[in-house]
PDB file of N, CA and C in Angstrom:
ATOM      1  N   UNK A   1     104.238 120.898  15.945  1.00  0.00           N
ATOM      2  CA  UNK A   1     104.778 121.932  17.306  1.00  0.00           C
ATOM      3  C   UNK A   1     104.516 123.418  16.921  1.00  0.00           C
ATOM      4  N   UNK A   2     104.547 124.350  17.752  1.00  0.00           N
ATOM      5  CA  UNK A   2     104.023 125.479  17.730  1.00  0.00           C
ATOM      6  C   UNK A   2     105.672 125.881  17.924  1.00  0.00           C
ATOM      7  N   UNK A   3     105.982 127.038  17.337  1.00  0.00           N
ATOM      8  CA  UNK A   3     107.600 127.772  17.100  1.00  0.00           C
ATOM      9  C   UNK A   3     107.310 128.251  18.625  1.00  0.00           C
ATOM     10  N   UNK A   4     108.322 128.355  19.364  1.00  0.00           N
ATOM     11  CA  UNK A   4     108.079 129.241  20.692  1.00  0.00           C
ATOM     12  C   UNK A   4     109.075 130.193  20.355  1.00  0.00           C
ATOM     13  N   UNK A   5     109.294 131.872  20.855  1.00  0.00           N
ATOM     14  CA  UNK A   5     110.409 132.313  20.489  1.00  0.00           C
ATOM     15  C   UNK A   5     110.806 133.000  21.916  1.00  0.00           C
ATOM     16  N   UNK A   6     112.230 133.481  21.664  1.00  0.00           N
ATOM     17  CA  UNK A   6     112.477 134.402  22.980  1.00  0.00           C
ATOM     18  C   UNK A   6     112.400 135.939  22.593  1.00  0.00           C
ATOM     19  N   UNK A   7     111.538 135.957  24.003  1.00  0.00           N
ATOM     20  CA  UNK A   7     110.970 137.574  24.094  1.00  0.00           C
ATOM     21  C   UNK A   7     111.672 138.206  25.423  1.00  0.00           C
ATOM     22  N   UNK A   8     112.011 139.313  25.385  1.00  0.00           N
ATOM     23  CA  UNK A   8     112.367 139.875  26.946  1.00  0.00           C
ATOM     24  C   UNK A   8     111.118 141.269  27.171  1.00  0.00           C
ATOM     25  N   UNK A   9     111.515 141.245  28.660  1.00  0.00           N
ATOM     26  CA  UNK A   9     110.259 142.377  29.006  1.00  0.00           C
ATOM     27  C   UNK A   9     110.876 143.263  29.883  1.00  0.00           C
ATOM     28  N   UNK A  10     110.173 144.206  30.430  1.00  0.00           N
ATOM     29  CA  UNK A  10     110.729 145.214  31.218  1.00  0.00           C
ATOM     30  C   UNK A  10     109.318 145.849  31.747  1.00  0.00           C
ATOM     31  N   UNK A  11     109.412 145.811  33.135  1.00  0.00           N
ATOM     32  CA  UNK A  11     108.206 146.846  33.747  1.00  0.00           C
ATOM     33  C   UNK A  11     108.363 148.338  33.797  1.00  0.00           C
ATOM     34  N   UNK A  12     107.540 148.964  33.383  1.00  0.00           N
ATOM     35  CA  UNK A  12     107.998 150.601  33.724  1.00  0.00           C
ATOM     36  C   UNK A  12     107.342 150.812  35.010  1.00  0.00           C
ATOM     37  N   UNK A  13     108.291 151.426  35.615  1.00  0.00           N
ATOM     38  CA  UNK A  13     107.740 151.884  37.245  1.00  0.00           C
ATOM     39  C   UNK A  13     107.619 153.355  37.332  1.00  0.00           C
ATOM     40  N   UNK A  14     106.613 153.992  38.073  1.00  0.00           N
ATOM     41  CA  UNK A  14     106.464 155.078  38.325  1.00  0.00           C
ATOM     42  C   UNK A  14     107.001 155.598  39.386  1.00  0.00           C
ATOM     43  N   UNK A  15     107.949 156.653  40.197  1.00  0.00           N
ATOM     44  CA  UNK A  15     108.303 156.945  40.791  1.00  0.00           C
ATOM     45  C   UNK A  15     108.616 158.281  41.106  1.00  0.00           C
ATOM     46  N   UNK A  16     107.297 158.112  41.834  1.00  0.00           N
ATOM     47  CA  UNK A  16     106.844 160.424  42.027  1.00  0.00           C
ATOM     48  C   UNK A  16     107.961 160.663  42.929  1.00  0.00           C
ATOM     49  N   UNK A  17     108.674 160.425  43.757  1.00  0.00           N
ATOM     50  CA  UNK A  17     109.637 160.850  44.651  1.00  0.00           C
ATOM     51  C   UNK A  17     111.097 160.584  44.563  1.00  0.00           C
ATOM     52  N   UNK A  18     112.053 160.546  43.253  1.00  0.00           N
ATOM     53  CA  UNK A  18     112.896 160.254  43.266  1.00  0.00           C
ATOM     54  C   UNK A  18     113.761 159.503  44.489  1.00  0.00           C
ATOM     55  N   UNK A  19     113.928 160.823  45.367  1.00  0.00           N
ATOM     56  CA  UNK A  19     114.591 161.021  46.621  1.00  0.00           C
ATOM     57  C   UNK A  19     114.143 159.989  47.479  1.00  0.00           C
ATOM     58  N   UNK A  20     112.650 159.904  47.682  1.00  0.00           N
ATOM     59  CA  UNK A  20     112.608 158.369  48.678  1.00  0.00           C
ATOM     60  C   UNK A  20     112.383 157.068  47.952  1.00  0.00           C
ATOM     61  N   UNK A  21     112.432 156.972  46.547  1.00  0.00           N
ATOM     62  CA  UNK A  21     112.246 155.644  46.249  1.00  0.00           C
ATOM     63  C   UNK A  21     111.383 154.377  46.176  1.00  0.00           C
ATOM     64  N   UNK A  22     110.139 155.103  46.784  1.00  0.00           N
ATOM     65  CA  UNK A  22     109.191 154.808  46.390  1.00  0.00           C
ATOM     66  C   UNK A  22     108.747 154.398  44.746  1.00  0.00           C
ATOM     67  N   UNK A  23     108.105 153.844  44.814  1.00  0.00           N
ATOM     68  CA  UNK A  23     107.260 153.288  43.348  1.00  0.00           C
ATOM     69  C   UNK A  23     106.370 152.157  42.951  1.00  0.00           C
ATOM     70  N   UNK A  24     105.869 152.208  42.027  1.00  0.00           N
ATOM     71  CA  UNK A  24     104.799 151.365  41.383  1.00  0.00           C
ATOM     72  C   UNK A  24     105.149 150.943  40.132  1.00  0.00           C
ATOM     73  N   UNK A  25     104.395 149.838  39.500  1.00  0.00           N
ATOM     74  CA  UNK A  25     104.220 149.625  38.335  1.00  0.00           C
ATOM     75  C   UNK A  25     103.099 150.235  37.350  1.00  0.00           C
ATOM     76  N   UNK A  26     103.634 150.443  36.353  1.00  0.00           N
ATOM     77  CA  UNK A  26     102.656 151.311  35.453  1.00  0.00           C
ATOM     78  C   UNK A  26     102.519 150.918  34.094  1.00  0.00           C
ATOM     79  N   UNK A  27     103.663 149.887  33.578  1.00  0.00           N
ATOM     80  CA  UNK A  27     103.223 149.382  32.245  1.00  0.00           C
ATOM     81  C   UNK A  27     104.603 148.417  32.227  1.00  0.00           C
ATOM     82  N   UNK A  28     103.994 147.753  31.002  1.00  0.00           N
ATOM     83  CA  UNK A  28     105.238 147.035  30.466  1.00  0.00           C
ATOM     84  C   UNK A  28     106.056 146.886  28.963  1.00  0.00           C
ATOM     85  N   UNK A  29     107.036 146.651  29.126  1.00  0.00           N
ATOM     86  CA  UNK A  29     107.703 146.853  27.673  1.00  0.00           C
ATOM     87  C   UNK A  29     108.069 145.567  27.013  1.00  0.00           C
ATOM     88  N   UNK A  30     107.714 145.125  25.983  1.00  0.00           N
ATOM     89  CA  UNK A  30     107.879 143.770  25.466  1.00  0.00           C
ATOM     90  C   UNK A  30     108.949 143.834  24.084  1.00  0.00           C
ATOM     91  N   UNK A  31     109.422 143.263  24.110  1.00  0.00           N
ATOM     92  CA  UNK A  31     110.611 142.978  22.825  1.00  0.00           C
ATOM     93  C   UNK A  31     110.667 141.364  22.360  1.00  0.00           C
ATOM     94  N   UNK A  32     110.580 141.461  20.799  1.00  0.00           N
ATOM     95  CA  UNK A  32     110.949 140.235  20.505  1.00  0.00           C
ATOM     96  C   UNK A  32     111.737 139.806  19.284  1.00  0.00           C
ATOM     97  N   UNK A  33     112.869 140.154  19.279  1.00  0.00           N
ATOM     98  CA  UNK A  33     114.308 139.965  17.882  1.00  0.00           C
ATOM     99  C   UNK A  33     113.080 139.118  17.033  1.00  0.00           C
ATOM    100  N   UNK A  34     112.874 138.155  17.010  1.00  0.00           N
ATOM    101  CA  UNK A  34     112.456 137.099  15.808  1.00  0.00           C
ATOM    102  C   UNK A  34     110.830 137.729  14.922  1.00  0.00           C
ATOM    103  N   UNK A  35     110.529 138.526  15.541  1.00  0.00           N
ATOM    104  CA  UNK A  35     109.317 139.404  15.150  1.00  0.00           C
ATOM    105  C   UNK A  35     109.327 140.746  14.422  1.00  0.00           C
ATOM    106  N   UNK A  36     110.731 141.054  15.499  1.00  0.00           N
ATOM    107  CA  UNK A  36     110.857 142.807  14.777  1.00  0.00           C
ATOM    108  C   UNK A  36     109.838 143.364  15.476  1.00  0.00           C
ATOM    109  N   UNK A  37     109.262 142.968  16.771  1.00  0.00           N
ATOM    110  CA  UNK A  37     108.259 143.202  17.750  1.00  0.00           C
ATOM    111  C   UNK A  37     108.939 144.080  18.847  1.00  0.00           C
ATOM    112  N   UNK A  38     108.256 145.316  19.144  1.00  0.00           N
ATOM    113  CA  UNK A  38     108.476 146.189  20.275  1.00  0.00           C
ATOM    114  C   UNK A  38     107.146 146.783  20.414  1.00  0.00           C
ATOM    115  N   UNK A  39     106.864 146.936  21.667  1.00  0.00           N
ATOM    116  CA  UNK A  39     105.594 147.210  22.146  1.00  0.00           C
ATOM    117  C   UNK A  39     105.335 147.912  23.570  1.00  0.00           C
ATOM    118  N   UNK A  40     104.565 148.943  23.781  1.00  0.00           N
ATOM    119  CA  UNK A  40     104.916 148.907  25.250  1.00  0.00           C
ATOM    120  C   UNK A  40     103.037 149.394  25.799  1.00  0.00           C
ATOM    121  N   UNK A  41     102.695 149.134  26.445  1.00  0.00           N
ATOM    122  CA  UNK A  41     101.008 149.507  27.508  1.00  0.00           C
ATOM    123  C   UNK A  41     101.460 149.696  28.547  1.00  0.00           C
ATOM    124  N   UNK A  42     100.373 150.989  29.040  1.00  0.00           N
ATOM    125  CA  UNK A  42     100.765 151.325  30.526  1.00  0.00           C
ATOM    126  C   UNK A  42      98.831 151.567  30.972  1.00  0.00           C
ATOM    127  N   UNK A  43      99.160 151.600  32.287  1.00  0.00           N
ATOM    128  CA  UNK A  43      98.123 151.603  33.005  1.00  0.00           C
ATOM    129  C   UNK A  43      98.453 152.457  34.177  1.00  0.00           C
ATOM    130  N   UNK A  44      98.114 153.856  34.410  1.00  0.00           N
ATOM    131  CA  UNK A  44      98.460 154.658  35.735  1.00  0.00           C
ATOM    132  C   UNK A  44      97.113 154.172  36.725  1.00  0.00           C
ATOM    133  N   UNK A  45      97.501 154.171  37.790  1.00  0.00           N
ATOM    134  CA  UNK A  45      96.529 153.969  39.094  1.00  0.00           C
ATOM    135  C   UNK A  45      96.819 155.076  39.857  1.00  0.00           C
ATOM    136  N   UNK A  46      95.982 156.522  39.247  1.00  0.00           N
ATOM    137  CA  UNK A  46      96.306 157.511  39.592  1.00  0.00           C
ATOM    138  C   UNK A  46      95.981 157.779  41.320  1.00  0.00           C
ATOM    139  N   UNK A  47      94.773 156.991  41.789  1.00  0.00           N
ATOM    140  CA  UNK A  47      94.770 157.045  43.537  1.00  0.00           C
ATOM    141  C   UNK A  47      96.250 156.189  44.008  1.00  0.00           C
ATOM    142  N   UNK A  48      96.719 155.637  43.501  1.00  0.00           N
ATOM    143  CA  UNK A  48      98.680 155.323  43.972  1.00  0.00           C
ATOM    144  C   UNK A  48      99.348 156.512  44.073  1.00  0.00           C
ATOM    145  N   UNK A  49      99.250 156.781  42.637  1.00  0.00           N
ATOM    146  CA  UNK A  49     100.339 158.074  42.710  1.00  0.00           C
ATOM    147  C   UNK A  49     100.002 159.278  43.318  1.00  0.00           C
ATOM    148  N   UNK A  50      98.863 159.517  43.927  1.00  0.00           N
ATOM    149  CA  UNK A  50      98.675 160.506  44.471  1.00  0.00           C
ATOM    150  C   UNK A  50      98.854 160.101  45.949  1.00  0.00           C
ATOM    151  N   UNK A  51      98.820 158.963  46.278  1.00  0.00           N
ATOM    152  CA  UNK A  51      98.800 158.281  47.700  1.00  0.00           C
ATOM    153  C   UNK A  51     100.283 158.468  47.960  1.00  0.00           C
ATOM    154  N   UNK A  52     101.124 158.583  47.225  1.00  0.00           N
ATOM    155  CA  UNK A  52     102.809 158.516  47.139  1.00  0.00           C
ATOM    156  C   UNK A  52     102.970 159.820  47.111  1.00  0.00           C
ATOM    157  N   UNK A  53     102.360 160.822  46.430  1.00  0.00           N
ATOM    158  CA  UNK A  53     102.956 162.291  46.363  1.00  0.00           C
ATOM    159  C   UNK A  53     101.698 163.131  46.361  1.00  0.00           C
ATOM    160  N   UNK A  54     100.698 163.357  46.808  1.00  0.00           N
ATOM    161  CA  UNK A  54      99.487 164.209  46.719  1.00  0.00           C
ATOM    162  C   UNK A  54     100.018 165.364  45.903  1.00  0.00           C
ATOM    163  N   UNK A  55     101.313 165.466  45.461  1.00  0.00           N
ATOM    164  CA  UNK A  55     101.542 167.013  44.798  1.00  0.00           C
ATOM    165  C   UNK A  55     101.713 166.705  43.312  1.00  0.00           C
ATOM    166  N   UNK A  56     101.818 165.060  43.070  1.00  0.00           N
ATOM    167  CA  UNK A  56     102.393 164.495  41.913  1.00  0.00           C
ATOM    168  C   UNK A  56     101.837 165.263  40.582  1.00  0.00           C
ATOM    169  N   UNK A  57     102.290 165.168  39.657  1.00  0.00           N
ATOM    170  CA  UNK A  57     102.125 165.843  38.252  1.00  0.00           C
ATOM    171  C   UNK A  57     101.798 164.603  37.495  1.00  0.00           C
ATOM    172  N   UNK A  58     100.268 164.207  37.708  1.00  0.00           N
ATOM    173  CA  UNK A  58      99.496 163.426  37.056  1.00  0.00           C
ATOM    174  C   UNK A  58      99.530 163.510  35.346  1.00  0.00           C
ATOM    175  N   UNK A  59      99.301 164.903  35.101  1.00  0.00           N
ATOM    176  CA  UNK A  59      99.618 164.703  33.485  1.00  0.00           C
ATOM    177  C   UNK A  59     100.653 164.461  32.993  1.00  0.00           C
ATOM    178  N   UNK A  60     102.267 165.205  33.795  1.00  0.00           N
ATOM    179  CA  UNK A  60     103.031 164.841  33.249  1.00  0.00           C
ATOM    180  C   UNK A  60     103.352 163.571  33.230  1.00  0.00           C
ATOM    181  N   UNK A  61     103.238 162.504  34.255  1.00  0.00           N
ATOM    182  CA  UNK A  61     103.450 161.352  34.239  1.00  0.00           C
ATOM    183  C   UNK A  61     102.551 160.548  33.257  1.00  0.00           C
ATOM    184  N   UNK A  62     101.212 160.844  32.944  1.00  0.00           N
ATOM    185  CA  UNK A  62     100.529 160.197  32.136  1.00  0.00           C
ATOM    186  C   UNK A  62     101.081 160.706  30.353  1.00  0.00           C
ATOM    187  N   UNK A  63     102.052 161.857  30.284  1.00  0.00           N
ATOM    188  CA  UNK A  63     102.573 162.318  29.237  1.00  0.00           C
ATOM    189  C   UNK A  63     104.030 161.201  28.753  1.00  0.00           C
ATOM    190  N   UNK A  64     104.212 161.077  29.995  1.00  0.00           N
ATOM    191  CA  UNK A  64     105.991 160.507  29.801  1.00  0.00           C
ATOM    192  C   UNK A  64     105.465 159.001  29.612  1.00  0.00           C
ATOM    193  N   UNK A  65     104.454 158.190  30.025  1.00  0.00           N
ATOM    194  CA  UNK A  65     104.269 156.725  29.710  1.00  0.00           C
ATOM    195  C   UNK A  65     103.629 156.840  28.154  1.00  0.00           C
ATOM    196  N   UNK A  66     102.805 157.867  27.682  1.00  0.00           N
ATOM    197  CA  UNK A  66     102.339 157.855  26.779  1.00  0.00           C
ATOM    198  C   UNK A  66     103.542 157.897  25.314  1.00  0.00           C
ATOM    199  N   UNK A  67     104.587 158.918  26.000  1.00  0.00           N
ATOM    200  CA  UNK A  67     105.524 158.853  25.388  1.00  0.00           C
ATOM    201  C   UNK A  67     106.411 157.425  24.718  1.00  0.00           C
ATOM    202  N   UNK A  68     106.585 156.786  26.204  1.00  0.00           N
ATOM    203  CA  UNK A  68     107.067 155.078  25.654  1.00  0.00           C
ATOM    204  C   UNK A  68     106.403 154.390  24.945  1.00  0.00           C
ATOM    205  N   UNK A  69     105.277 154.427  24.758  1.00  0.00           N
ATOM    206  CA  UNK A  69     104.346 153.986  23.798  1.00  0.00           C
ATOM    207  C   UNK A  69     104.765 154.361  22.318  1.00  0.00           C
ATOM    208  N   UNK A  70     104.740 155.698  22.204  1.00  0.00           N
ATOM    209  CA  UNK A  70     105.077 156.253  20.857  1.00  0.00           C
ATOM    210  C   UNK A  70     106.249 155.806  20.153  1.00  0.00           C
ATOM    211  N   UNK A  71     107.463 155.747  21.533  1.00  0.00           N
ATOM    212  CA  UNK A  71     108.778 155.275  20.850  1.00  0.00           C
ATOM    213  C   UNK A  71     108.877 153.861  20.435  1.00  0.00           C
ATOM    214  N   UNK A  72     107.900 152.470  21.163  1.00  0.00           N
ATOM    215  CA  UNK A  72     107.724 151.524  20.713  1.00  0.00           C
ATOM    216  C   UNK A  72     107.026 151.359  19.334  1.00  0.00           C
ATOM    217  N   UNK A  73     106.222 152.315  19.260  1.00  0.00           N
ATOM    218  CA  UNK A  73     105.266 151.965  17.505  1.00  0.00           C
ATOM    219  C   UNK A  73     105.766 153.087  16.824  1.00  0.00           C
ATOM    220  N   UNK A  74     107.073 153.723  16.842  1.00  0.00           N
ATOM    221  CA  UNK A  74     108.111 154.108  15.790  1.00  0.00           C
ATOM    222  C   UNK A  74     107.454 155.061  14.808  1.00  0.00           C
ATOM    223  N   UNK A  75     107.987 155.269  13.923  1.00  0.00           N
ATOM    224  CA  UNK A  75     106.912 156.434  13.248  1.00  0.00           C
ATOM    225  C   UNK A  75     107.481 157.681  13.690  1.00  0.00           C
ATOM    226  N   UNK A  76     106.682 158.860  13.016  1.00  0.00           N
ATOM    227  CA  UNK A  76     106.852 159.750  14.148  1.00  0.00           C
ATOM    228  C   UNK A  76     106.392 160.541  15.908  1.00  0.00           C
ATOM    229  N   UNK A  77     105.894 159.442  16.187  1.00  0.00           N
ATOM    230  CA  UNK A  77     105.496 159.027  17.349  1.00  0.00           C
ATOM    231  C   UNK A  77     106.800 158.884  18.155  1.00  0.00           C
ATOM    232  N   UNK A  78     107.757 158.101  17.467  1.00  0.00           N
ATOM    233  CA  UNK A  78     109.049 157.783  18.286  1.00  0.00           C
ATOM    234  C   UNK A  78     109.931 159.113  18.247  1.00  0.00           C
ATOM    235  N   UNK A  79     110.032 160.157  18.187  1.00  0.00           N
ATOM    236  CA  UNK A  79     111.031 161.086  17.726  1.00  0.00           C
ATOM    237  C   UNK A  79     112.191 160.867  17.076  1.00  0.00           C
ATOM    238  N   UNK A  80     113.245 161.155  17.983  1.00  0.00           N
ATOM    239  CA  UNK A  80     114.434 160.725  17.451  1.00  0.00           C
ATOM    240  C   UNK A  80     114.715 159.657  17.186  1.00  0.00           C
ATOM    241  N   UNK A  81     114.322 158.198  17.560  1.00  0.00           N
ATOM    242  CA  UNK A  81     113.925 157.621  17.379  1.00  0.00           C
ATOM    243  C   UNK A  81     113.549 156.628  16.423  1.00  0.00           C
ATOM    244  N   UNK A  82     112.563 157.281  15.566  1.00  0.00           N
ATOM    245  CA  UNK A  82     111.618 157.034  14.284  1.00  0.00           C
ATOM    246  C   UNK A  82     112.502 156.145  13.478  1.00  0.00           C
ATOM    247  N   UNK A  83     113.599 156.478  13.422  1.00  0.00           N
ATOM    248  CA  UNK A  83     114.445 155.093  12.132  1.00  0.00           C
ATOM    249  C   UNK A  83     115.021 154.140  12.620  1.00  0.00           C
ATOM    250  N   UNK A  84     115.119 154.030  13.669  1.00  0.00           N
ATOM    251  CA  UNK A  84     115.467 153.022  14.701  1.00  0.00           C
ATOM    252  C   UNK A  84     114.838 151.622  14.443  1.00  0.00           C
ATOM    253  N   UNK A  85     115.664 150.513  14.366  1.00  0.00           N
ATOM    254  CA  UNK A  85     114.607 149.366  14.710  1.00  0.00           C
ATOM    255  C   UNK A  85     114.309 149.067  15.927  1.00  0.00           C
ATOM    256  N   UNK A  86     113.518 147.715  15.936  1.00  0.00           N
ATOM    257  CA  UNK A  86     112.977 147.586  17.434  1.00  0.00           C
ATOM    258  C   UNK A  86     113.609 147.449  18.148  1.00  0.00           C
ATOM    259  N   UNK A  87     114.806 146.386  17.789  1.00  0.00           N
ATOM    260  CA  UNK A  87     115.626 146.417  19.056  1.00  0.00           C
ATOM    261  C   UNK A  87     116.431 147.222  19.630  1.00  0.00           C
ATOM    262  N   UNK A  88     116.758 148.547  19.164  1.00  0.00           N
ATOM    263  CA  UNK A  88     117.666 149.596  19.082  1.00  0.00           C
ATOM    264  C   UNK A  88     116.420 150.763  20.213  1.00  0.00           C
ATOM    265  N   UNK A  89     115.182 150.848  19.681  1.00  0.00           N
ATOM    266  CA  UNK A  89     114.056 151.351  20.542  1.00  0.00           C
ATOM    267  C   UNK A  89     113.785 150.732  21.742  1.00  0.00           C
ATOM    268  N   UNK A  90     113.818 149.319  22.165  1.00  0.00           N
ATOM    269  CA  UNK A  90     113.916 148.827  23.291  1.00  0.00           C
ATOM    270  C   UNK A  90     115.208 148.795  24.175  1.00  0.00           C
ATOM    271  N   UNK A  91     116.288 148.867  23.208  1.00  0.00           N
ATOM    272  CA  UNK A  91     117.208 148.958  24.717  1.00  0.00           C
ATOM    273  C   UNK A  91     117.455 150.560  24.838  1.00  0.00           C
ATOM    274  N   UNK A  92     116.853 151.557  24.214  1.00  0.00           N
ATOM    275  CA  UNK A  92     116.886 152.960  24.183  1.00  0.00           C
ATOM    276  C   UNK A  92     116.034 153.488  25.439  1.00  0.00           C
ATOM    277  N   UNK A  93     114.814 152.763  25.337  1.00  0.00           N
ATOM    278  CA  UNK A  93     113.715 152.544  26.132  1.00  0.00           C
ATOM    279  C   UNK A  93     114.077 152.094  27.892  1.00  0.00           C
ATOM    280  N   UNK A  94     114.916 151.179  27.879  1.00  0.00           N
ATOM    281  CA  UNK A  94     115.145 150.265  28.954  1.00  0.00           C
ATOM    282  C   UNK A  94     116.590 150.407  29.613  1.00  0.00           C
ATOM    283  N   UNK A  95     117.124 151.686  29.309  1.00  0.00           N
ATOM    284  CA  UNK A  95     118.268 152.198  30.054  1.00  0.00           C
ATOM    285  C   UNK A  95     118.057 152.996  31.243  1.00  0.00           C
ATOM    286  N   UNK A  96     118.920 152.450  32.558  1.00  0.00           N
ATOM    287  CA  UNK A  96     118.603 153.290  33.359  1.00  0.00           C
ATOM    288  C   UNK A  96     118.584 154.591  33.400  1.00  0.00           C
ATOM    289  N   UNK A  97     117.369 155.210  34.341  1.00  0.00           N
ATOM    290  CA  UNK A  97     117.440 156.772  34.173  1.00  0.00           C
ATOM    291  C   UNK A  97     116.945 157.272  35.365  1.00  0.00           C
ATOM    292  N   UNK A  98     117.098 158.304  35.631  1.00  0.00           N
ATOM    293  CA  UNK A  98     116.661 158.730  37.152  1.00  0.00           C
ATOM    294  C   UNK A  98     115.477 159.858  36.724  1.00  0.00           C
ATOM    295  N   UNK A  99     114.178 159.368  36.688  1.00  0.00           N
ATOM    296  CA  UNK A  99     112.906 160.087  36.386  1.00  0.00           C
ATOM    297  C   UNK A  99     111.679 160.262  36.846  1.00  0.00           C
ATOM    298  N   UNK A 100     110.637 160.319  36.779  1.00  0.00           N
ATOM    299  CA  UNK A 100     109.551 159.984  37.153  1.00  0.00           C
ATOM    300  C   UNK A 100     109.334 158.398  36.794  1.00  0.00           C
ATOM    301  N   UNK A 101     109.581 158.120  35.445  1.00  0.00           N
ATOM    302  CA  UNK A 101     109.066 156.881  34.733  1.00  0.00           C
ATOM    303  C   UNK A 101     110.110 156.281  34.668  1.00  0.00           C
ATOM    304  N   UNK A 102     110.413 155.000  35.351  1.00  0.00           N
ATOM    305  CA  UNK A 102     111.668 154.408  34.807  1.00  0.00           C
ATOM    306  C   UNK A 102     111.611 152.520  34.567  1.00  0.00           C
ATOM    307  N   UNK A 103     112.564 152.234  33.791  1.00  0.00           N
ATOM    308  CA  UNK A 103     112.376 150.948  33.213  1.00  0.00           C
ATOM    309  C   UNK A 103     112.825 150.111  34.502  1.00  0.00           C
ATOM    310  N   UNK A 104     112.853 148.792  34.973  1.00  0.00           N
ATOM    311  CA  UNK A 104     113.068 147.971  35.583  1.00  0.00           C
ATOM    312  C   UNK A 104     113.675 146.953  34.869  1.00  0.00           C
ATOM    313  N   UNK A 105     114.154 146.053  35.185  1.00  0.00           N
ATOM    314  CA  UNK A 105     115.148 145.045  35.421  1.00  0.00           C
ATOM    315  C   UNK A 105     114.745 144.340  33.781  1.00  0.00           C
ATOM    316  N   UNK A 106     115.809 143.694  33.068  1.00  0.00           N
ATOM    317  CA  UNK A 106     114.686 142.894  32.353  1.00  0.00           C
ATOM    318  C   UNK A 106     115.176 141.913  32.401  1.00  0.00           C
ATOM    319  N   UNK A 107     113.406 141.119  31.893  1.00  0.00           N
ATOM    320  CA  UNK A 107     113.520 139.276  32.168  1.00  0.00           C
ATOM    321  C   UNK A 107     113.147 138.834  30.682  1.00  0.00           C
ATOM    322  N   UNK A 108     113.026 137.441  30.670  1.00  0.00           N
ATOM    323  CA  UNK A 108     113.077 136.806  29.384  1.00  0.00           C
ATOM    324  C   UNK A 108     112.024 135.620  29.263  1.00  0.00           C
ATOM    325  N   UNK A 109     111.837 135.293  28.198  1.00  0.00           N
ATOM    326  CA  UNK A 109     110.684 134.040  28.185  1.00  0.00           C
ATOM    327  C   UNK A 109     110.305 133.476  27.044  1.00  0.00           C
ATOM    328  N   UNK A 110     109.574 132.677  26.590  1.00  0.00           N
ATOM    329  CA  UNK A 110     109.388 132.059  25.214  1.00  0.00           C
ATOM    330  C   UNK A 110     107.974 132.489  25.054  1.00  0.00           C
ATOM    331  N   UNK A 111     107.477 132.551  23.647  1.00  0.00           N
ATOM    332  CA  UNK A 111     106.060 132.865  23.129  1.00  0.00           C
ATOM    333  C   UNK A 111     105.512 132.519  22.096  1.00  0.00           C
ATOM    334  N   UNK A 112     104.776 132.732  21.453  1.00  0.00           N
ATOM    335  CA  UNK A 112     104.231 132.172  20.394  1.00  0.00           C
ATOM    336  C   UNK A 112     103.342 133.558  20.013  1.00  0.00           C
ATOM    337  N   UNK A 113     103.227 134.173  20.785  1.00  0.00           N
ATOM    338  CA  UNK A 113     102.338 135.428  20.361  1.00  0.00           C
ATOM    339  C   UNK A 113     102.940 136.861  21.080  1.00  0.00           C
ATOM    340  N   UNK A 114     103.839 137.696  20.815  1.00  0.00           N
ATOM    341  CA  UNK A 114     104.547 138.899  21.411  1.00  0.00           C
ATOM    342  C   UNK A 114     103.300 139.866  21.684  1.00  0.00           C
ATOM    343  N   UNK A 115     102.924 140.130  21.166  1.00  0.00           N
ATOM    344  CA  UNK A 115     101.392 140.627  21.587  1.00  0.00           C
ATOM    345  C   UNK A 115     100.370 140.834  22.147  1.00  0.00           C
ATOM    346  N   UNK A 116     100.499 139.133  22.635  1.00  0.00           N
ATOM    347  CA  UNK A 116      99.797 138.673  23.684  1.00  0.00           C
ATOM    348  C   UNK A 116     100.503 138.524  25.125  1.00  0.00           C
ATOM    349  N   UNK A 117     101.468 138.360  24.829  1.00  0.00           N
ATOM    350  CA  UNK A 117     102.337 139.107  26.065  1.00  0.00           C
ATOM    351  C   UNK A 117     102.463 140.434  26.669  1.00  0.00           C
ATOM    352  N   UNK A 118     102.276 141.164  25.712  1.00  0.00           N
ATOM    353  CA  UNK A 118     101.829 142.665  26.396  1.00  0.00           C
ATOM    354  C   UNK A 118     100.810 142.668  27.173  1.00  0.00           C
ATOM    355  N   UNK A 119      99.971 141.784  27.026  1.00  0.00           N
ATOM    356  CA  UNK A 119      98.184 142.054  27.532  1.00  0.00           C
ATOM    357  C   UNK A 119      98.627 141.003  28.703  1.00  0.00           C
ATOM    358  N   UNK A 120      99.158 140.053  28.371  1.00  0.00           N
ATOM    359  CA  UNK A 120      99.256 139.044  29.838  1.00  0.00           C
ATOM    360  C   UNK A 120     100.042 139.462  30.589  1.00  0.00           C
ATOM    361  N   UNK A 121     101.232 140.214  30.312  1.00  0.00           N
ATOM    362  CA  UNK A 121     101.749 140.740  31.315  1.00  0.00           C
ATOM    363  C   UNK A 121     100.998 142.163  32.205  1.00  0.00           C
ATOM    364  N   UNK A 122     100.616 143.134  31.266  1.00  0.00           N
ATOM    365  CA  UNK A 122      99.988 143.966  31.609  1.00  0.00           C
ATOM    366  C   UNK A 122      98.865 143.717  32.786  1.00  0.00           C
ATOM    367  N   UNK A 123      98.281 143.063  32.920  1.00  0.00           N
ATOM    368  CA  UNK A 123      96.880 141.941  33.322  1.00  0.00           C
ATOM    369  C   UNK A 123      97.591 141.408  34.828  1.00  0.00           C
ATOM    370  N   UNK A 124      98.894 140.716  34.425  1.00  0.00           N
ATOM    371  CA  UNK A 124      99.455 139.953  35.466  1.00  0.00           C
ATOM    372  C   UNK A 124     100.109 140.827  36.638  1.00  0.00           C
ATOM    373  N   UNK A 125     101.242 142.370  35.818  1.00  0.00           N
ATOM    374  CA  UNK A 125     101.893 142.776  36.685  1.00  0.00           C
ATOM    375  C   UNK A 125     101.978 144.181  37.241  1.00  0.00           C
ATOM    376  N   UNK A 126     101.041 144.589  36.408  1.00  0.00           N
ATOM    377  CA  UNK A 126     100.679 146.117  36.479  1.00  0.00           C
ATOM    378  C   UNK A 126      99.047 146.417  37.058  1.00  0.00           C
ATOM    379  N   UNK A 127      97.824 145.636  36.631  1.00  0.00           N
ATOM    380  CA  UNK A 127      96.470 146.034  37.162  1.00  0.00           C
ATOM    381  C   UNK A 127      96.101 145.762  38.073  1.00  0.00           C
TER     382      UNK A 127
END
């Protein structure tokens, strides 16, 4: 029998105008402690963003989503979180914030392939 490990995930939401509360999914964060794995994948639907806010800063939103991916990757791309382990980086990224890119609630599941979960969840919940 193949070993299945617990993983956690959170969606990344784009909230173009925080005061209105409208949002849509633009990425997913996945963390698996057993594999010391954390990753994010994003997909920005620019048409949806501009439908909710015609003056939205598309370049800024893309940069914020790329920054999340950079923190997950560690190293220089993680900025101040570069020395943190995968779990600390995940916990930092899922902390509530009132910005254009916000994390959603954390959910859990079982997996044999955390990297595969990132793509599966992105296809299922974002694209």
